[in-house]
């Protein structure tokens, strides 16, 4: 079967690119699992925080903001983002980390202001104040409804004529007579252009096409759901972090969602939580708050895949005409999905990045795979 573009991977990134391209080209979205977004997207509990990541990541985060806050009519039946806020407390040894956070005030319209420990305790009354000296608050941080965003992309993709195939793992890719021939599941499809949006498996997909890897590294991230502490309504609590720590805690549906912030390099796989990471998380919660963890209701792990320079990869492989990369989103893939998918579509259709992305200082060379081939 012939298509104009075949996208490999129907997670948030592939779906976002498909949404941006559908209606302009005949597109097939291939997913190796029984459902889209099984490994990373479906296990993400993301927040919209535009000042996260390096300068390139922040630019895409910012560029996605208008869409996330005001999506097109009919995209979703519920808001994509809702107010949350984020509180960061700091001890006497990590003031430089807090200063780096405060220096990001205003980026993407996100305010960061220093507050007193009394104010901090009014926001999250279970924080342990021993040893803490300072705090900062970001009122503009928002929860993202990952499922609604992903489903909106897929629904919009289908309404514009895009085709989705699940249970279709790619087993062979070869270029012949100007077309890519792709064996996926029980069928072979062809297209002059293929987009590698395979997440943790992106380097493996490239290998099927005879291309060398970019050095993408999947990393495990653990999360857990805990019951709320007795006598507290946690629904309005902001995200809680500690300057210098990677762990964080958030409120979700009246319970607590927490992560040790682990980034353990792993091979691409159906990753599962490790008991040691869960123990590290419990220790962090009990050291940084007055909560005594007696029960964990649910635990899981997901994959976040990073390029060597921690910036996303979006562009055509210099060694293979028609082979495009969309990978390496790290822990920012949900935030970046709209602007990154739209940017890849613009590069394919128009040969340049969208004006709003360029205005934020991003160039095609900064995100292109060629930078990692050198």
Protein backbone atom coordinates (compact mmCIF):
# COMPACT_ATOMS: atom_id res chain seq x y z
CA UNK A 1 0.00 0.00 0.00
CA UNK A 2 1.35 3.44 -0.92
CA UNK A 3 1.42 6.53 1.26
CA UNK A 4 3.08 9.93 1.07
CA UNK A 5 4.44 9.68 4.63
CA UNK A 6 4.74 6.79 7.07
CA UNK A 7 5.23 7.71 10.74
CA UNK A 8 6.71 4.97 12.92
CA UNK A 9 5.46 5.37 16.48
CA UNK A 10 2.03 6.58 17.61
CA UNK A 11 3.01 8.01 20.99
CA UNK A 12 2.53 11.70 21.74
CA UNK A 13 5.27 12.80 19.31
CA UNK A 14 4.23 10.69 16.34
CA UNK A 15 0.60 11.56 16.95
CA UNK A 16 1.43 15.26 17.18
CA UNK A 17 3.36 15.17 13.91
CA UNK A 18 0.57 13.18 12.26
CA UNK A 19 -1.96 15.74 13.45
CA UNK A 20 0.12 18.57 11.95
CA UNK A 21 0.64 16.79 8.60
CA UNK A 22 -2.72 15.09 8.07
CA UNK A 23 -4.94 16.63 5.43
CA UNK A 24 -1.89 17.82 3.49
CA UNK A 25 -0.41 14.42 2.71
CA UNK A 26 -1.62 10.80 2.70
CA UNK A 27 -0.23 9.51 5.99
CA UNK A 28 0.01 6.19 7.80
CA UNK A 29 0.77 6.08 11.51
CA UNK A 30 2.33 2.75 12.54
CA UNK A 31 2.29 1.50 16.13
CA UNK A 32 3.98 -1.73 17.19
CA UNK A 33 1.89 -2.16 20.33
CA UNK A 34 -1.80 -2.95 20.63
CA UNK A 35 -2.50 0.64 21.65
CA UNK A 36 -0.78 3.96 20.94
CA UNK A 37 1.36 5.50 23.67
CA UNK A 38 1.89 2.34 25.72
CA UNK A 39 5.50 2.82 26.86
CA UNK A 40 6.05 6.52 27.58
CA UNK A 41 3.02 8.66 26.78
CA UNK A 42 0.57 6.47 28.65
CA UNK A 43 2.78 6.47 31.77
CA UNK A 44 3.47 10.18 31.91
CA UNK A 45 2.15 12.46 34.63
CA UNK A 46 3.30 15.69 33.09
CA UNK A 47 3.09 19.33 34.07
CA UNK A 48 3.40 22.35 31.82
CA UNK A 49 6.38 24.31 33.05
CA UNK A 50 7.90 26.33 30.20
CA UNK A 51 11.19 27.08 31.96
CA UNK A 52 12.16 23.39 32.24
CA UNK A 53 15.10 22.04 30.23
CA UNK A 54 17.83 23.73 28.24
CA UNK A 55 17.27 26.75 25.97
CA UNK A 56 16.12 24.66 22.99
CA UNK A 57 13.69 22.66 25.10
CA UNK A 58 12.33 25.84 26.71
CA UNK A 59 11.70 27.36 23.28
CA UNK A 60 9.52 24.44 22.23
CA UNK A 61 7.77 24.41 25.62
CA UNK A 62 6.92 28.09 25.20
CA UNK A 63 5.80 27.64 21.59
CA UNK A 64 3.36 24.90 22.63
CA UNK A 65 1.77 27.10 25.30
CA UNK A 66 -0.87 28.88 23.18
CA UNK A 67 -2.16 25.57 21.80
CA UNK A 68 -2.24 23.84 25.18
CA UNK A 69 -4.06 26.74 26.82
CA UNK A 70 -6.51 27.35 23.95
CA UNK A 71 -6.72 24.37 21.58
CA UNK A 72 -8.76 24.56 18.37
CA UNK A 73 -12.49 24.08 18.65
CA UNK A 74 -13.39 20.41 18.72
CA UNK A 75 -9.90 19.20 19.63
CA UNK A 76 -10.99 18.02 23.09
CA UNK A 77 -14.01 18.07 25.35
CA UNK A 78 -11.99 19.02 28.44
CA UNK A 79 -9.18 21.52 29.11
CA UNK A 80 -5.71 20.31 28.19
CA UNK A 81 -4.11 22.14 31.11
CA UNK A 82 -5.36 23.21 34.54
CA UNK A 83 -3.74 25.47 37.17
CA UNK A 84 -1.43 23.80 39.67
CA UNK A 85 1.56 25.94 40.70
CA UNK A 86 4.92 24.71 41.95
CA UNK A 87 6.66 25.23 45.28
CA UNK A 88 10.41 24.81 45.68
CA UNK A 89 11.96 24.88 49.13
CA UNK A 90 15.68 25.25 49.75
CA UNK A 91 18.14 24.51 52.54
CA UNK A 92 21.26 26.47 53.38
CA UNK A 93 23.49 24.48 51.03
CA UNK A 94 21.60 24.81 47.77
CA UNK A 95 20.94 28.53 47.40
CA UNK A 96 22.73 28.57 43.99
CA UNK A 97 20.16 26.07 42.67
CA UNK A 98 17.32 28.29 43.88
CA UNK A 99 18.97 31.34 42.33
CA UNK A 100 19.15 29.55 38.98
CA UNK A 101 15.42 28.90 39.24
CA UNK A 102 14.66 32.50 40.17
CA UNK A 103 16.74 33.70 37.21
CA UNK A 104 14.18 32.03 34.91
CA UNK A 105 11.44 34.40 36.04
CA UNK A 106 9.42 35.60 33.07
CA UNK A 107 10.44 32.91 30.57
CA UNK A 108 7.40 31.99 28.53
CA UNK A 109 5.33 34.24 30.78
CA UNK A 110 6.00 31.93 33.72
CA UNK A 111 6.60 33.87 36.92
CA UNK A 112 9.00 32.68 39.60
CA UNK A 113 9.11 34.61 42.84
CA UNK A 114 10.79 34.09 46.17
CA UNK A 115 8.42 33.61 49.09
CA UNK A 116 8.80 33.13 52.82
CA UNK A 117 8.80 29.74 54.52
CA UNK A 118 5.55 30.74 56.20
CA UNK A 119 3.99 31.24 52.78
CA UNK A 120 5.45 27.93 51.65
CA UNK A 121 3.93 26.14 54.63
CA UNK A 122 0.55 27.67 53.86
CA UNK A 123 0.72 26.11 50.40
CA UNK A 124 1.96 22.66 51.49
CA UNK A 125 1.52 22.38 55.26
CA UNK A 126 3.37 19.05 55.55
CA UNK A 127 6.81 20.38 54.52
CA UNK A 128 9.56 19.87 57.09
CA UNK A 129 11.00 23.28 57.86
CA UNK A 130 14.08 22.03 59.71
CA UNK A 131 17.14 23.19 57.80
CA UNK A 132 15.07 25.03 55.20
CA UNK A 133 15.80 28.73 54.72
CA UNK A 134 14.19 29.87 51.48
CA UNK A 135 11.39 29.07 49.06
CA UNK A 136 10.17 30.00 45.59
CA UNK A 137 6.76 29.72 43.97
CA UNK A 138 5.73 29.42 40.30
CA UNK A 139 1.98 30.10 40.04
CA UNK A 140 1.83 29.45 36.29
CA UNK A 141 2.82 25.76 36.38
CA UNK A 142 -0.09 23.67 35.13
CA UNK A 143 -1.15 20.04 35.11
CA UNK A 144 -1.46 18.53 31.64
CA UNK A 145 -4.12 15.99 30.74
CA UNK A 146 -1.83 13.66 28.79
CA UNK A 147 -4.58 11.26 27.74
CA UNK A 148 -6.80 14.07 26.43
CA UNK A 149 -3.93 15.67 24.48
CA UNK A 150 -2.87 12.37 22.92
CA UNK A 151 -6.43 11.38 22.10
CA UNK A 152 -7.05 14.82 20.57
CA UNK A 153 -4.11 14.40 18.20
CA UNK A 154 -5.26 10.95 17.14
CA UNK A 155 -8.87 12.05 16.68
CA UNK A 156 -7.82 15.07 14.64
CA UNK A 157 -5.42 12.93 12.62
CA UNK A 158 -8.20 10.49 11.74
CA UNK A 159 -10.70 13.24 10.92
CA UNK A 160 -8.21 14.66 8.40
CA UNK A 161 -7.86 11.32 6.64
CA UNK A 162 -4.86 9.85 8.47
CA UNK A 163 -4.69 6.08 8.90
CA UNK A 164 -3.55 4.33 12.10
CA UNK A 165 -2.30 0.72 12.28
CA UNK A 166 -1.65 -0.86 15.68
CA UNK A 167 -0.07 -4.27 16.36
CA UNK A 168 2.25 -3.47 13.47
CA UNK A 169 5.87 -3.73 14.64
CA UNK A 170 8.34 -2.69 11.97
CA UNK A 171 10.70 -5.50 11.01
CA UNK A 172 12.35 -4.23 7.83
CA UNK A 173 13.02 -0.86 6.17
CA UNK A 174 14.74 -0.46 2.83
CA UNK A 175 14.96 2.21 0.19
CA UNK A 176 14.28 1.17 -3.39
CA UNK A 177 13.58 3.30 -6.46
CA UNK A 178 13.14 6.44 -4.38
CA UNK A 179 10.66 4.84 -1.98
CA UNK A 180 10.96 3.45 1.52
CA UNK A 181 9.55 -0.08 1.77
CA UNK A 182 8.48 -0.90 5.32
CA UNK A 183 7.45 -4.32 6.58
CA UNK A 184 5.13 -3.80 9.54
CA UNK A 185 3.05 -6.57 11.02
CA UNK A 186 1.52 -8.53 8.19
CA UNK A 187 1.79 -5.89 5.47
CA UNK A 188 4.35 -3.95 3.45
CA UNK A 189 3.82 -0.25 2.86
CA UNK A 190 5.76 2.25 0.79
CA UNK A 191 6.33 6.00 0.98
CA UNK A 192 8.93 8.48 -0.23
CA UNK A 193 9.21 9.81 3.31
CA UNK A 194 9.35 8.05 6.67
CA UNK A 195 9.35 9.69 10.10
CA UNK A 196 11.11 7.83 12.89
CA UNK A 197 9.10 8.69 16.00
CA UNK A 198 9.78 5.40 17.76
CA UNK A 199 10.81 6.87 21.11
CA UNK A 200 13.20 4.62 23.01
CA UNK A 201 13.42 2.40 19.92
CA UNK A 202 14.34 5.20 17.48
CA UNK A 203 17.98 4.11 17.11
CA UNK A 204 16.80 0.52 16.55
CA UNK A 205 14.44 1.67 13.80
CA UNK A 206 17.29 3.59 12.17
CA UNK A 207 19.39 0.42 12.22
CA UNK A 208 16.65 -1.38 10.28
CA UNK A 209 17.10 1.26 7.61
CA UNK A 210 20.87 0.72 7.59
CA UNK A 211 21.64 3.96 9.42
CA UNK A 212 24.03 4.47 12.30
CA UNK A 213 22.52 5.42 15.68
CA UNK A 214 22.40 8.93 17.07
CA UNK A 215 23.28 7.77 20.58
CA UNK A 216 19.78 8.14 22.00
CA UNK A 217 19.56 6.88 25.57
CA UNK A 218 16.32 5.63 27.17
CA UNK A 219 16.15 6.28 30.92
CA UNK A 220 13.79 4.84 33.50
CA UNK A 221 11.57 7.18 35.52
CA UNK A 222 9.63 5.81 38.50
CA UNK A 223 6.38 7.14 39.93
CA UNK A 224 3.91 6.14 42.63
CA UNK A 225 0.46 7.03 43.92
CA UNK A 226 0.02 7.40 47.68
CA UNK A 227 -3.08 8.07 49.78
CA UNK A 228 -3.29 11.63 51.10
CA UNK A 229 -2.14 12.26 54.67
CA UNK A 230 -4.96 12.14 57.19
CA UNK A 231 -6.79 15.41 57.89
CA UNK A 232 -5.48 17.09 54.71
CA UNK A 233 -7.21 17.92 51.45
CA UNK A 234 -4.34 17.83 48.94
CA UNK A 235 -6.32 18.75 45.83
CA UNK A 236 -5.08 22.36 45.75
CA UNK A 237 -1.49 21.67 46.75
CA UNK A 238 1.13 22.75 44.20
CA UNK A 239 3.90 20.51 42.95
CA UNK A 240 6.54 20.27 45.70
CA UNK A 241 10.25 20.11 45.00
CA UNK A 242 13.44 20.76 46.93
CA UNK A 243 16.28 22.74 45.33
CA UNK A 244 19.13 20.37 44.58
CA UNK A 245 16.87 17.28 44.71
CA UNK A 246 15.44 15.47 41.70
CA UNK A 247 12.39 14.08 43.48
CA UNK A 248 9.01 15.79 43.46
CA UNK A 249 5.46 15.36 44.72
CA UNK A 250 2.18 16.45 43.18
CA UNK A 251 -1.53 16.16 43.83
CA UNK A 252 -3.61 13.98 41.53
CA UNK A 253 -7.33 13.29 41.93
CA UNK A 254 -7.19 13.89 45.67
CA UNK A 255 -4.16 11.64 46.18
CA UNK A 256 -0.40 12.17 46.02
CA UNK A 257 1.69 11.39 42.97
CA UNK A 258 5.42 11.32 43.62
CA UNK A 259 8.62 10.41 41.83
CA UNK A 260 12.24 10.07 42.94
CA UNK A 261 13.21 11.78 39.67
CA UNK A 262 15.38 8.84 38.66
CA UNK A 263 17.06 8.79 35.25
CA UNK A 264 18.54 5.31 35.08
CA UNK A 265 19.93 4.33 31.64
CA UNK A 266 18.20 1.19 30.34
CA UNK A 267 17.74 -0.68 27.10
CA UNK A 268 14.42 -0.12 25.27
CA UNK A 269 11.90 -2.34 27.02
CA UNK A 270 8.58 -2.59 28.82
CA UNK A 271 10.20 -1.00 31.85
CA UNK A 272 9.05 -1.80 35.41
CA UNK A 273 9.74 0.01 38.70
CA UNK A 274 12.67 -1.13 40.84
CA UNK A 275 12.18 -1.59 44.59
CA UNK A 276 15.28 0.47 45.34
CA UNK A 277 13.86 3.47 43.47
CA UNK A 278 10.60 3.17 45.36
CA UNK A 279 12.55 3.01 48.64
CA UNK A 280 14.48 6.14 47.67
CA UNK A 281 11.19 7.89 47.01
CA UNK A 282 9.71 6.89 50.35
CA UNK A 283 12.84 8.09 52.14
CA UNK A 284 12.65 11.45 50.34
CA UNK A 285 9.00 11.96 51.25
CA UNK A 286 9.61 11.20 54.92
CA UNK A 287 12.73 13.41 55.10
CA UNK A 288 11.22 16.38 53.29
CA UNK A 289 7.67 16.22 54.70
CA UNK A 290 5.92 15.06 57.86
CA UNK A 291 4.15 12.31 55.90
CA UNK A 292 4.75 8.75 57.09
CA UNK A 293 4.34 6.46 54.11
CA UNK A 294 2.43 3.38 55.20
CA UNK A 295 0.98 2.34 51.90
CA UNK A 296 1.66 2.78 48.19
CA UNK A 297 -1.44 2.31 46.10
CA UNK A 298 0.25 2.03 42.73
CA UNK A 299 3.77 2.17 41.31
CA UNK A 300 5.02 2.19 37.74
CA UNK A 301 7.89 3.24 35.54
CA UNK A 302 8.17 4.80 32.11
CA UNK A 303 10.85 5.59 29.55
CA UNK A 304 12.25 9.02 28.75
CA UNK A 305 14.72 9.11 25.88
CA UNK A 306 17.50 11.68 25.62
CA UNK A 307 19.86 12.77 22.85
CA UNK A 308 23.49 13.27 23.93
CA UNK A 309 22.99 17.05 24.15
CA UNK A 310 19.55 16.79 25.81
CA UNK A 311 17.84 18.62 22.94
CA UNK A 312 15.17 17.04 20.74
CA UNK A 313 15.97 15.65 17.30
CA UNK A 314 13.73 16.79 14.44
CA UNK A 315 14.92 16.72 10.86
CA UNK A 316 16.06 14.72 7.86
CA UNK A 317 18.99 12.36 8.22
CA UNK A 318 21.87 13.72 6.12
CA UNK A 319 22.81 10.18 5.08
CA UNK A 320 19.35 9.07 3.96
CA UNK A 321 17.03 11.25 1.85
CA UNK A 322 13.45 10.93 3.01
CA UNK A 323 14.33 9.49 6.43
CA UNK A 324 13.26 11.98 9.11
CA UNK A 325 13.84 11.84 12.85
CA UNK A 326 11.46 12.91 15.62
CA UNK A 327 13.05 11.68 18.83
CA UNK A 328 15.02 12.51 21.95
CA UNK A 329 12.33 14.56 23.70
CA UNK A 330 13.61 13.53 27.13
CA UNK A 331 11.16 14.30 29.90
CA UNK A 332 9.53 17.13 27.95
CA UNK A 333 7.76 15.26 25.18
CA UNK A 334 4.21 16.12 26.23
CA UNK A 335 4.99 19.82 26.57
CA UNK A 336 6.86 19.93 23.27
CA UNK A 337 4.53 17.70 21.27
CA UNK A 338 2.50 20.41 19.56
CA UNK A 339 5.31 22.78 18.63
CA UNK A 340 7.78 20.00 17.78
CA UNK A 341 5.27 18.14 15.60
CA UNK A 342 4.27 21.39 13.93
CA UNK A 343 7.95 22.25 13.41
CA UNK A 344 8.72 18.93 11.75
CA UNK A 345 5.68 19.36 9.51
CA UNK A 346 6.90 22.84 8.53
CA UNK A 347 10.38 21.53 7.74
CA UNK A 348 8.90 18.82 5.53
CA UNK A 349 6.31 20.96 3.77
CA UNK A 350 7.97 24.38 3.69
CA UNK A 351 11.66 23.77 4.32
CA UNK A 352 11.89 25.94 7.42
CA UNK A 353 10.75 26.07 11.03
CA UNK A 354 7.59 28.00 11.97
CA UNK A 355 8.13 31.70 12.56
CA UNK A 356 7.22 31.56 16.25
CA UNK A 357 9.80 28.82 16.87
CA UNK A 358 12.49 30.68 14.92
CA UNK A 359 11.71 33.82 16.89
CA UNK A 360 12.61 31.90 20.06
CA UNK A 361 16.11 31.25 18.72
CA UNK A 362 15.74 27.71 17.37
CA UNK A 363 17.34 26.80 14.04
CA UNK A 364 16.99 23.68 11.91
CA UNK A 365 20.64 22.90 12.61
CA UNK A 366 20.12 23.01 16.39
CA UNK A 367 17.50 20.25 16.26
CA UNK A 368 18.59 18.36 13.14
CA UNK A 369 20.16 14.89 13.38
CA UNK A 370 23.23 16.14 11.51
CA UNK A 371 24.55 17.74 14.69
CA UNK A 372 24.86 14.27 16.21
CA UNK A 373 26.49 12.75 13.15
CA UNK A 374 29.54 15.00 13.37
